[in-house]
Amino acid sequence: MVWHGYEMYVYMLKSIESDYRYFGMTDNLHRRLAEHNRGDNKTTKAKRPYAMWILATCETSAEARLIEKQFKTGYGRLKADRMIADGRAKKVI
């Protein structure tokens, strides 16, 4: 799977200190992870620090938004967990 050359990424954050998960989209993974870990995002500030996994790569923000919405469902959360467990999701370092 090619992880570069795309406009948008759908990602999951997992709190290192709790079971809290957050799903989002971005065009710059390292910048976005740094913003979350600095506490720039009100929603994720209290559960820092985070690890990030890429769940999908998309060519447009509209496509990324639809996929992000799917991951925010109960089934989507289970799918994300399976993707991480079986190595289909790539961890951002």
PDB file of N, CA and C in Angstrom:
ATOM      1  N   MET A   1       0.843  -1.185   0.000  1.00  0.00           N
ATOM      2  CA  MET A   1       0.000   0.000   0.000  1.00  0.00           C
ATOM      3  C   MET A   1       0.882   1.241   0.000  1.00  0.00           C
ATOM      4  N   VAL A   2       0.588   2.175  -0.835  1.00  0.00           N
ATOM      5  CA  VAL A   2       1.347   3.420  -0.937  1.00  0.00           C
ATOM      6  C   VAL A   2       0.715   4.447   0.008  1.00  0.00           C
ATOM      7  N   TRP A   3       1.545   5.056   0.855  1.00  0.00           N
ATOM      8  CA  TRP A   3       1.036   6.004   1.843  1.00  0.00           C
ATOM      9  C   TRP A   3       1.406   7.450   1.513  1.00  0.00           C
ATOM     10  N   HIS A   4       2.005   7.704   0.406  1.00  0.00           N
ATOM     11  CA  HIS A   4       2.383   9.071   0.050  1.00  0.00           C
ATOM     12  C   HIS A   4       1.706   9.457  -1.255  1.00  0.00           C
ATOM     13  N   GLY A   5       1.693  10.720  -1.539  1.00  0.00           N
ATOM     14  CA  GLY A   5       1.120  11.176  -2.794  1.00  0.00           C
ATOM     15  C   GLY A   5      -0.379  11.438  -2.736  1.00  0.00           C
ATOM     16  N   TYR A   6      -0.973  11.336  -1.557  1.00  0.00           N
ATOM     17  CA  TYR A   6      -2.398  11.593  -1.400  1.00  0.00           C
ATOM     18  C   TYR A   6      -2.611  12.968  -0.792  1.00  0.00           C
ATOM     19  N   GLU A   7      -3.799  13.490  -1.003  1.00  0.00           N
ATOM     20  CA  GLU A   7      -4.118  14.797  -0.453  1.00  0.00           C
ATOM     21  C   GLU A   7      -4.536  14.715   1.011  1.00  0.00           C
ATOM     22  N   MET A   8      -5.335  13.697   1.367  1.00  0.00           N
ATOM     23  CA  MET A   8      -5.900  13.625   2.709  1.00  0.00           C
ATOM     24  C   MET A   8      -5.702  12.236   3.325  1.00  0.00           C
ATOM     25  N   TYR A   9      -5.609  12.227   4.651  1.00  0.00           N
ATOM     26  CA  TYR A   9      -5.484  10.995   5.415  1.00  0.00           C
ATOM     27  C   TYR A   9      -6.586  10.954   6.465  1.00  0.00           C
ATOM     28  N   VAL A  10      -7.149   9.780   6.686  1.00  0.00           N
ATOM     29  CA  VAL A  10      -8.068   9.559   7.794  1.00  0.00           C
ATOM     30  C   VAL A  10      -7.247   8.831   8.850  1.00  0.00           C
ATOM     31  N   TYR A  11      -7.295   9.323  10.087  1.00  0.00           N
ATOM     32  CA  TYR A  11      -6.444   8.785  11.142  1.00  0.00           C
ATOM     33  C   TYR A  11      -7.233   8.503  12.410  1.00  0.00           C
ATOM     34  N   MET A  12      -6.625   7.695  13.264  1.00  0.00           N
ATOM     35  CA  MET A  12      -7.153   7.463  14.594  1.00  0.00           C
ATOM     36  C   MET A  12      -6.063   7.791  15.593  1.00  0.00           C
ATOM     37  N   LEU A  13      -6.439   8.552  16.607  1.00  0.00           N
ATOM     38  CA  LEU A  13      -5.560   8.777  17.740  1.00  0.00           C
ATOM     39  C   LEU A  13      -5.963   7.815  18.841  1.00  0.00           C
ATOM     40  N   LYS A  14      -4.987   7.278  19.549  1.00  0.00           N
ATOM     41  CA  LYS A  14      -5.249   6.447  20.714  1.00  0.00           C
ATOM     42  C   LYS A  14      -4.444   7.030  21.846  1.00  0.00           C
ATOM     43  N   SER A  15      -5.143   7.384  22.932  1.00  0.00           N
ATOM     44  CA  SER A  15      -4.450   7.907  24.095  1.00  0.00           C
ATOM     45  C   SER A  15      -3.499   6.853  24.638  1.00  0.00           C
ATOM     46  N   ILE A  16      -2.296   7.250  24.961  1.00  0.00           N
ATOM     47  CA  ILE A  16      -1.306   6.331  25.506  1.00  0.00           C
ATOM     48  C   ILE A  16      -1.657   5.959  26.942  1.00  0.00           C
ATOM     49  N   GLU A  17      -2.400   6.818  27.625  1.00  0.00           N
ATOM     50  CA  GLU A  17      -2.701   6.590  29.042  1.00  0.00           C
ATOM     51  C   GLU A  17      -4.119   6.108  29.316  1.00  0.00           C
ATOM     52  N   SER A  18      -4.964   5.993  28.299  1.00  0.00           N
ATOM     53  CA  SER A  18      -6.340   5.525  28.507  1.00  0.00           C
ATOM     54  C   SER A  18      -6.839   4.841  27.234  1.00  0.00           C
ATOM     55  N   ASP A  19      -8.090   4.419  27.252  1.00  0.00           N
ATOM     56  CA  ASP A  19      -8.681   3.771  26.074  1.00  0.00           C
ATOM     57  C   ASP A  19      -9.335   4.768  25.122  1.00  0.00           C
ATOM     58  N   TYR A  20      -9.159   6.061  25.351  1.00  0.00           N
ATOM     59  CA  TYR A  20      -9.800   7.082  24.527  1.00  0.00           C
ATOM     60  C   TYR A  20      -9.276   7.037  23.098  1.00  0.00           C
ATOM     61  N   ARG A  21     -10.207   7.115  22.145  1.00  0.00           N
ATOM     62  CA  ARG A  21      -9.865   7.160  20.719  1.00  0.00           C
ATOM     63  C   ARG A  21     -10.526   8.378  20.087  1.00  0.00           C
ATOM     64  N   TYR A  22      -9.859   8.905  19.070  1.00  0.00           N
ATOM     65  CA  TYR A  22     -10.358  10.060  18.335  1.00  0.00           C
ATOM     66  C   TYR A  22     -10.084   9.815  16.858  1.00  0.00           C
ATOM     67  N   PHE A  23     -11.079  10.078  16.017  1.00  0.00           N
ATOM     68  CA  PHE A  23     -10.924   9.921  14.573  1.00  0.00           C
ATOM     69  C   PHE A  23     -10.949  11.282  13.918  1.00  0.00           C
ATOM     70  N   GLY A  24     -10.070  11.477  12.945  1.00  0.00           N
ATOM     71  CA  GLY A  24     -10.027  12.753  12.249  1.00  0.00           C
ATOM     72  C   GLY A  24      -9.433  12.592  10.857  1.00  0.00           C
ATOM     73  N   MET A  25      -9.252  13.729  10.188  1.00  0.00           N
ATOM     74  CA  MET A  25      -8.637  13.750   8.851  1.00  0.00           C
ATOM     75  C   MET A  25      -7.711  14.945   8.763  1.00  0.00           C
ATOM     76  N   THR A  26      -6.697  14.811   7.926  1.00  0.00           N
ATOM     77  CA  THR A  26      -5.709  15.873   7.786  1.00  0.00           C
ATOM     78  C   THR A  26      -4.950  15.699   6.477  1.00  0.00           C
ATOM     79  N   ASP A  27      -4.281  16.757   6.070  1.00  0.00           N
ATOM     80  CA  ASP A  27      -3.380  16.660   4.928  1.00  0.00           C
ATOM     81  C   ASP A  27      -1.918  16.625   5.376  1.00  0.00           C
ATOM     82  N   ASN A  28      -1.672  16.728   6.698  1.00  0.00           N
ATOM     83  CA  ASN A  28      -0.313  16.725   7.227  1.00  0.00           C
ATOM     84  C   ASN A  28      -0.312  15.972   8.558  1.00  0.00           C
ATOM     85  N   LEU A  29       0.064  14.708   8.518  1.00  0.00           N
ATOM     86  CA  LEU A  29      -0.028  13.833   9.684  1.00  0.00           C
ATOM     87  C   LEU A  29       0.857  14.276  10.844  1.00  0.00           C
ATOM     88  N   HIS A  30       2.103  14.594  10.577  1.00  0.00           N
ATOM     89  CA  HIS A  30       3.021  14.953  11.660  1.00  0.00           C
ATOM     90  C   HIS A  30       2.618  16.266  12.329  1.00  0.00           C
ATOM     91  N   ARG A  31       2.201  17.229  11.540  1.00  0.00           N
ATOM     92  CA  ARG A  31       1.733  18.491  12.119  1.00  0.00           C
ATOM     93  C   ARG A  31       0.506  18.258  13.004  1.00  0.00           C
ATOM     94  N   ARG A  32      -0.437  17.454  12.500  1.00  0.00           N
ATOM     95  CA  ARG A  32      -1.680  17.224  13.234  1.00  0.00           C
ATOM     96  C   ARG A  32      -1.429  16.462  14.530  1.00  0.00           C
ATOM     97  N   LEU A  33      -0.563  15.461  14.498  1.00  0.00           N
ATOM     98  CA  LEU A  33      -0.234  14.736  15.723  1.00  0.00           C
ATOM     99  C   LEU A  33       0.409  15.668  16.749  1.00  0.00           C
ATOM    100  N   ALA A  34       1.314  16.520  16.298  1.00  0.00           N
ATOM    101  CA  ALA A  34       1.955  17.488  17.200  1.00  0.00           C
ATOM    102  C   ALA A  34       0.915  18.435  17.805  1.00  0.00           C
ATOM    103  N   GLU A  35      -0.047  18.890  17.010  1.00  0.00           N
ATOM    104  CA  GLU A  35      -1.106  19.772  17.525  1.00  0.00           C
ATOM    105  C   GLU A  35      -1.915  19.074  18.610  1.00  0.00           C
ATOM    106  N   HIS A  36      -2.281  17.823  18.365  1.00  0.00           N
ATOM    107  CA  HIS A  36      -3.033  17.079  19.381  1.00  0.00           C
ATOM    108  C   HIS A  36      -2.199  16.891  20.649  1.00  0.00           C
ATOM    109  N   ASN A  37      -0.945  16.536  20.507  1.00  0.00           N
ATOM    110  CA  ASN A  37      -0.107  16.277  21.679  1.00  0.00           C
ATOM    111  C   ASN A  37       0.276  17.544  22.427  1.00  0.00           C
ATOM    112  N   ARG A  38       0.239  18.698  21.771  1.00  0.00           N
ATOM    113  CA  ARG A  38       0.474  19.982  22.446  1.00  0.00           C
ATOM    114  C   ARG A  38      -0.770  20.457  23.199  1.00  0.00           C
ATOM    115  N   GLY A  39      -1.933  19.918  22.841  1.00  0.00           N
ATOM    116  CA  GLY A  39      -3.178  20.351  23.477  1.00  0.00           C
ATOM    117  C   GLY A  39      -3.884  21.440  22.711  1.00  0.00           C
ATOM    118  N   ASP A  40      -3.571  21.612  21.429  1.00  0.00           N
ATOM    119  CA  ASP A  40      -4.201  22.648  20.616  1.00  0.00           C
ATOM    120  C   ASP A  40      -5.655  22.338  20.289  1.00  0.00           C
ATOM    121  N   ASN A  41      -6.063  21.070  20.410  1.00  0.00           N
ATOM    122  CA  ASN A  41      -7.430  20.662  20.108  1.00  0.00           C
ATOM    123  C   ASN A  41      -8.190  20.481  21.416  1.00  0.00           C
ATOM    124  N   LYS A  42      -9.265  21.248  21.598  1.00  0.00           N
ATOM    125  CA  LYS A  42     -10.039  21.219  22.836  1.00  0.00           C
ATOM    126  C   LYS A  42     -10.590  19.825  23.139  1.00  0.00           C
ATOM    127  N   THR A  43     -11.020  19.109  22.107  1.00  0.00           N
ATOM    128  CA  THR A  43     -11.636  17.797  22.292  1.00  0.00           C
ATOM    129  C   THR A  43     -10.644  16.762  22.812  1.00  0.00           C
ATOM    130  N   THR A  44      -9.397  16.837  22.399  1.00  0.00           N
ATOM    131  CA  THR A  44      -8.423  15.808  22.757  1.00  0.00           C
ATOM    132  C   THR A  44      -7.420  16.248  23.828  1.00  0.00           C
ATOM    133  N   LYS A  45      -7.478  17.477  24.261  1.00  0.00           N
ATOM    134  CA  LYS A  45      -6.477  18.040  25.165  1.00  0.00           C
ATOM    135  C   LYS A  45      -6.309  17.239  26.462  1.00  0.00           C
ATOM    136  N   ALA A  46      -7.402  16.787  27.053  1.00  0.00           N
ATOM    137  CA  ALA A  46      -7.346  16.149  28.374  1.00  0.00           C
ATOM    138  C   ALA A  46      -6.773  14.739  28.361  1.00  0.00           C
ATOM    139  N   LYS A  47      -6.699  14.107  27.212  1.00  0.00           N
ATOM    140  CA  LYS A  47      -6.289  12.695  27.155  1.00  0.00           C
ATOM    141  C   LYS A  47      -4.901  12.493  26.570  1.00  0.00           C
ATOM    142  N   ARG A  48      -4.108  13.545  26.480  1.00  0.00           N
ATOM    143  CA  ARG A  48      -2.764  13.460  25.919  1.00  0.00           C
ATOM    144  C   ARG A  48      -1.872  12.577  26.766  1.00  0.00           C
ATOM    145  N   PRO A  49      -0.799  12.019  26.208  1.00  0.00           N
ATOM    146  CA  PRO A  49      -0.329  12.048  24.817  1.00  0.00           C
ATOM    147  C   PRO A  49      -0.986  10.955  23.972  1.00  0.00           C
ATOM    148  N   TYR A  50      -0.778  11.053  22.665  1.00  0.00           N
ATOM    149  CA  TYR A  50      -1.420  10.162  21.710  1.00  0.00           C
ATOM    150  C   TYR A  50      -0.422   9.460  20.805  1.00  0.00           C
ATOM    151  N   ALA A  51      -0.854   8.295  20.325  1.00  0.00           N
ATOM    152  CA  ALA A  51      -0.226   7.621  19.195  1.00  0.00           C
ATOM    153  C   ALA A  51      -1.221   7.754  18.045  1.00  0.00           C
ATOM    154  N   MET A  52      -0.724   7.777  16.808  1.00  0.00           N
ATOM    155  CA  MET A  52      -1.594   7.980  15.637  1.00  0.00           C
ATOM    156  C   MET A  52      -1.407   6.850  14.644  1.00  0.00           C
ATOM    157  N   TRP A  53      -2.538   6.395  14.068  1.00  0.00           N
ATOM    158  CA  TRP A  53      -2.530   5.402  13.004  1.00  0.00           C
ATOM    159  C   TRP A  53      -3.258   5.945  11.790  1.00  0.00           C
ATOM    160  N   ILE A  54      -2.703   5.687  10.596  1.00  0.00           N
ATOM    161  CA  ILE A  54      -3.369   6.033   9.342  1.00  0.00           C
ATOM    162  C   ILE A  54      -4.324   4.897   9.005  1.00  0.00           C
ATOM    163  N   LEU A  55      -5.600   5.225   8.849  1.00  0.00           N
ATOM    164  CA  LEU A  55      -6.607   4.224   8.521  1.00  0.00           C
ATOM    165  C   LEU A  55      -6.950   4.213   7.038  1.00  0.00           C
ATOM    166  N   ALA A  56      -6.848   5.369   6.380  1.00  0.00           N
ATOM    167  CA  ALA A  56      -7.191   5.451   4.955  1.00  0.00           C
ATOM    168  C   ALA A  56      -6.472   6.630   4.334  1.00  0.00           C
ATOM    169  N   THR A  57      -6.193   6.509   3.053  1.00  0.00           N
ATOM    170  CA  THR A  57      -5.653   7.611   2.273  1.00  0.00           C
ATOM    171  C   THR A  57      -6.684   7.964   1.216  1.00  0.00           C
ATOM    172  N   CYS A  58      -6.861   9.250   0.977  1.00  0.00           N
ATOM    173  CA  CYS A  58      -7.920   9.726   0.083  1.00  0.00           C
ATOM    174  C   CYS A  58      -7.367  10.788  -0.853  1.00  0.00           C
ATOM    175  N   GLU A  59      -7.985  10.883  -1.997  1.00  0.00           N
ATOM    176  CA  GLU A  59      -7.559  11.882  -2.968  1.00  0.00           C
ATOM    177  C   GLU A  59      -8.224  13.229  -2.741  1.00  0.00           C
ATOM    178  N   THR A  60      -9.369  13.243  -2.053  1.00  0.00           N
ATOM    179  CA  THR A  60     -10.083  14.502  -1.810  1.00  0.00           C
ATOM    180  C   THR A  60     -10.529  14.593  -0.360  1.00  0.00           C
ATOM    181  N   SER A  61     -10.754  15.806   0.100  1.00  0.00           N
ATOM    182  CA  SER A  61     -11.254  15.984   1.466  1.00  0.00           C
ATOM    183  C   SER A  61     -12.690  15.478   1.599  1.00  0.00           C
ATOM    184  N   ALA A  62     -13.478  15.535   0.539  1.00  0.00           N
ATOM    185  CA  ALA A  62     -14.855  15.027   0.588  1.00  0.00           C
ATOM    186  C   ALA A  62     -14.853  13.514   0.822  1.00  0.00           C
ATOM    187  N   GLU A  63     -13.979  12.814   0.123  1.00  0.00           N
ATOM    188  CA  GLU A  63     -13.860  11.368   0.312  1.00  0.00           C
ATOM    189  C   GLU A  63     -13.386  11.057   1.735  1.00  0.00           C
ATOM    190  N   ALA A  64     -12.405  11.802   2.221  1.00  0.00           N
ATOM    191  CA  ALA A  64     -11.888  11.594   3.577  1.00  0.00           C
ATOM    192  C   ALA A  64     -12.974  11.824   4.618  1.00  0.00           C
ATOM    193  N   ARG A  65     -13.788  12.828   4.436  1.00  0.00           N
ATOM    194  CA  ARG A  65     -14.858  13.139   5.388  1.00  0.00           C
ATOM    195  C   ARG A  65     -15.855  11.981   5.482  1.00  0.00           C
ATOM    196  N   LEU A  66     -16.206  11.391   4.345  1.00  0.00           N
ATOM    197  CA  LEU A  66     -17.134  10.253   4.347  1.00  0.00           C
ATOM    198  C   LEU A  66     -16.531   9.051   5.076  1.00  0.00           C
ATOM    199  N   ILE A  67     -15.281   8.770   4.819  1.00  0.00           N
ATOM    200  CA  ILE A  67     -14.619   7.634   5.465  1.00  0.00           C
ATOM    201  C   ILE A  67     -14.450   7.890   6.959  1.00  0.00           C
ATOM    202  N   GLU A  68     -14.075   9.112   7.321  1.00  0.00           N
ATOM    203  CA  GLU A  68     -13.949   9.467   8.743  1.00  0.00           C
ATOM    204  C   GLU A  68     -15.276   9.230   9.458  1.00  0.00           C
ATOM    205  N   LYS A  69     -16.364   9.642   8.845  1.00  0.00           N
ATOM    206  CA  LYS A  69     -17.689   9.472   9.435  1.00  0.00           C
ATOM    207  C   LYS A  69     -18.005   7.991   9.654  1.00  0.00           C
ATOM    208  N   GLN A  70     -17.611   7.136   8.719  1.00  0.00           N
ATOM    209  CA  GLN A  70     -17.834   5.696   8.858  1.00  0.00           C
ATOM    210  C   GLN A  70     -17.053   5.128  10.046  1.00  0.00           C
ATOM    211  N   PHE A  71     -15.816   5.592  10.241  1.00  0.00           N
ATOM    212  CA  PHE A  71     -15.012   5.098  11.359  1.00  0.00           C
ATOM    213  C   PHE A  71     -15.569   5.549  12.714  1.00  0.00           C
ATOM    214  N   LYS A  72     -16.362   6.583  12.744  1.00  0.00           N
ATOM    215  CA  LYS A  72     -16.923   7.075  14.002  1.00  0.00           C
ATOM    216  C   LYS A  72     -18.154   6.293  14.454  1.00  0.00           C
ATOM    217  N   THR A  73     -18.563   5.266  13.703  1.00  0.00           N
ATOM    218  CA  THR A  73     -19.677   4.411  14.098  1.00  0.00           C
ATOM    219  C   THR A  73     -19.140   3.254  14.946  1.00  0.00           C
ATOM    220  N   GLY A  74     -20.026   2.522  15.590  1.00  0.00           N
ATOM    221  CA  GLY A  74     -19.607   1.362  16.377  1.00  0.00           C
ATOM    222  C   GLY A  74     -18.869   0.343  15.538  1.00  0.00           C
ATOM    223  N   TYR A  75     -19.410   0.034  14.353  1.00  0.00           N
ATOM    224  CA  TYR A  75     -18.745  -0.905  13.450  1.00  0.00           C
ATOM    225  C   TYR A  75     -17.398  -0.346  12.995  1.00  0.00           C
ATOM    226  N   GLY A  76     -17.359   0.944  12.697  1.00  0.00           N
ATOM    227  CA  GLY A  76     -16.116   1.556  12.234  1.00  0.00           C
ATOM    228  C   GLY A  76     -15.023   1.505  13.286  1.00  0.00           C
ATOM    229  N   ARG A  77     -15.385   1.687  14.552  1.00  0.00           N
ATOM    230  CA  ARG A  77     -14.394   1.594  15.629  1.00  0.00           C
ATOM    231  C   ARG A  77     -13.825   0.177  15.721  1.00  0.00           C
ATOM    232  N   LEU A  78     -14.696  -0.816  15.593  1.00  0.00           N
ATOM    233  CA  LEU A  78     -14.230  -2.204  15.596  1.00  0.00           C
ATOM    234  C   LEU A  78     -13.321  -2.479  14.400  1.00  0.00           C
ATOM    235  N   LYS A  79     -13.689  -1.940  13.237  1.00  0.00           N
ATOM    236  CA  LYS A  79     -12.870  -2.109  12.038  1.00  0.00           C
ATOM    237  C   LYS A  79     -11.491  -1.491  12.231  1.00  0.00           C
ATOM    238  N   ALA A  80     -11.434  -0.297  12.825  1.00  0.00           N
ATOM    239  CA  ALA A  80     -10.149   0.365  13.083  1.00  0.00           C
ATOM    240  C   ALA A  80      -9.290  -0.483  14.014  1.00  0.00           C
ATOM    241  N   ASP A  81      -9.893  -1.039  15.062  1.00  0.00           N
ATOM    242  CA  ASP A  81      -9.146  -1.897  15.986  1.00  0.00           C
ATOM    243  C   ASP A  81      -8.577  -3.118  15.263  1.00  0.00           C
ATOM    244  N   ARG A  82      -9.369  -3.725  14.377  1.00  0.00           N
ATOM    245  CA  ARG A  82      -8.899  -4.890  13.612  1.00  0.00           C
ATOM    246  C   ARG A  82      -7.771  -4.488  12.665  1.00  0.00           C
ATOM    247  N   MET A  83      -7.888  -3.323  12.033  1.00  0.00           N
ATOM    248  CA  MET A  83      -6.845  -2.861  11.114  1.00  0.00           C
ATOM    249  C   MET A  83      -5.519  -2.675  11.836  1.00  0.00           C
ATOM    250  N   ILE A  84      -5.573  -2.152  13.058  1.00  0.00           N
ATOM    251  CA  ILE A  84      -4.353  -1.964  13.846  1.00  0.00           C
ATOM    252  C   ILE A  84      -3.794  -3.321  14.258  1.00  0.00           C
ATOM    253  N   ALA A  85      -4.669  -4.214  14.722  1.00  0.00           N
ATOM    254  CA  ALA A  85      -4.226  -5.526  15.199  1.00  0.00           C
ATOM    255  C   ALA A  85      -3.582  -6.363  14.101  1.00  0.00           C
ATOM    256  N   ASP A  86      -4.106  -6.279  12.880  1.00  0.00           N
ATOM    257  CA  ASP A  86      -3.560  -7.120  11.807  1.00  0.00           C
ATOM    258  C   ASP A  86      -2.562  -6.389  10.904  1.00  0.00           C
ATOM    259  N   GLY A  87      -2.180  -5.170  11.272  1.00  0.00           N
ATOM    260  CA  GLY A  87      -1.122  -4.472  10.544  1.00  0.00           C
ATOM    261  C   GLY A  87      -1.554  -3.714   9.298  1.00  0.00           C
ATOM    262  N   ARG A  88      -2.854  -3.595   9.043  1.00  0.00           N
ATOM    263  CA  ARG A  88      -3.301  -2.842   7.867  1.00  0.00           C
ATOM    264  C   ARG A  88      -3.261  -1.339   8.096  1.00  0.00           C
ATOM    265  N   ALA A  89      -3.221  -0.891   9.343  1.00  0.00           N
ATOM    266  CA  ALA A  89      -3.100   0.540   9.655  1.00  0.00           C
ATOM    267  C   ALA A  89      -1.627   0.831   9.927  1.00  0.00           C
ATOM    268  N   LYS A  90      -1.153   1.959   9.446  1.00  0.00           N
ATOM    269  CA  LYS A  90       0.257   2.328   9.606  1.00  0.00           C
ATOM    270  C   LYS A  90       0.385   3.320  10.751  1.00  0.00           C
ATOM    271  N   LYS A  91       1.275   3.037  11.693  1.00  0.00           N
ATOM    272  CA  LYS A  91       1.511   3.932  12.825  1.00  0.00           C
ATOM    273  C   LYS A  91       2.383   5.102  12.374  1.00  0.00           C
ATOM    274  N   VAL A  92       1.992   6.302  12.780  1.00  0.00           N
ATOM    275  CA  VAL A  92       2.759   7.517  12.470  1.00  0.00           C
ATOM    276  C   VAL A  92       3.786   7.717  13.583  1.00  0.00           C
ATOM    277  N   ILE A  93       5.037   7.886  13.185  1.00  0.00           N
ATOM    278  CA  ILE A  93       6.122   8.046  14.174  1.00  0.00           C
ATOM    279  C   ILE A  93       6.631   9.469  14.126  1.00  0.00           C
TER     280      ILE A  93
END
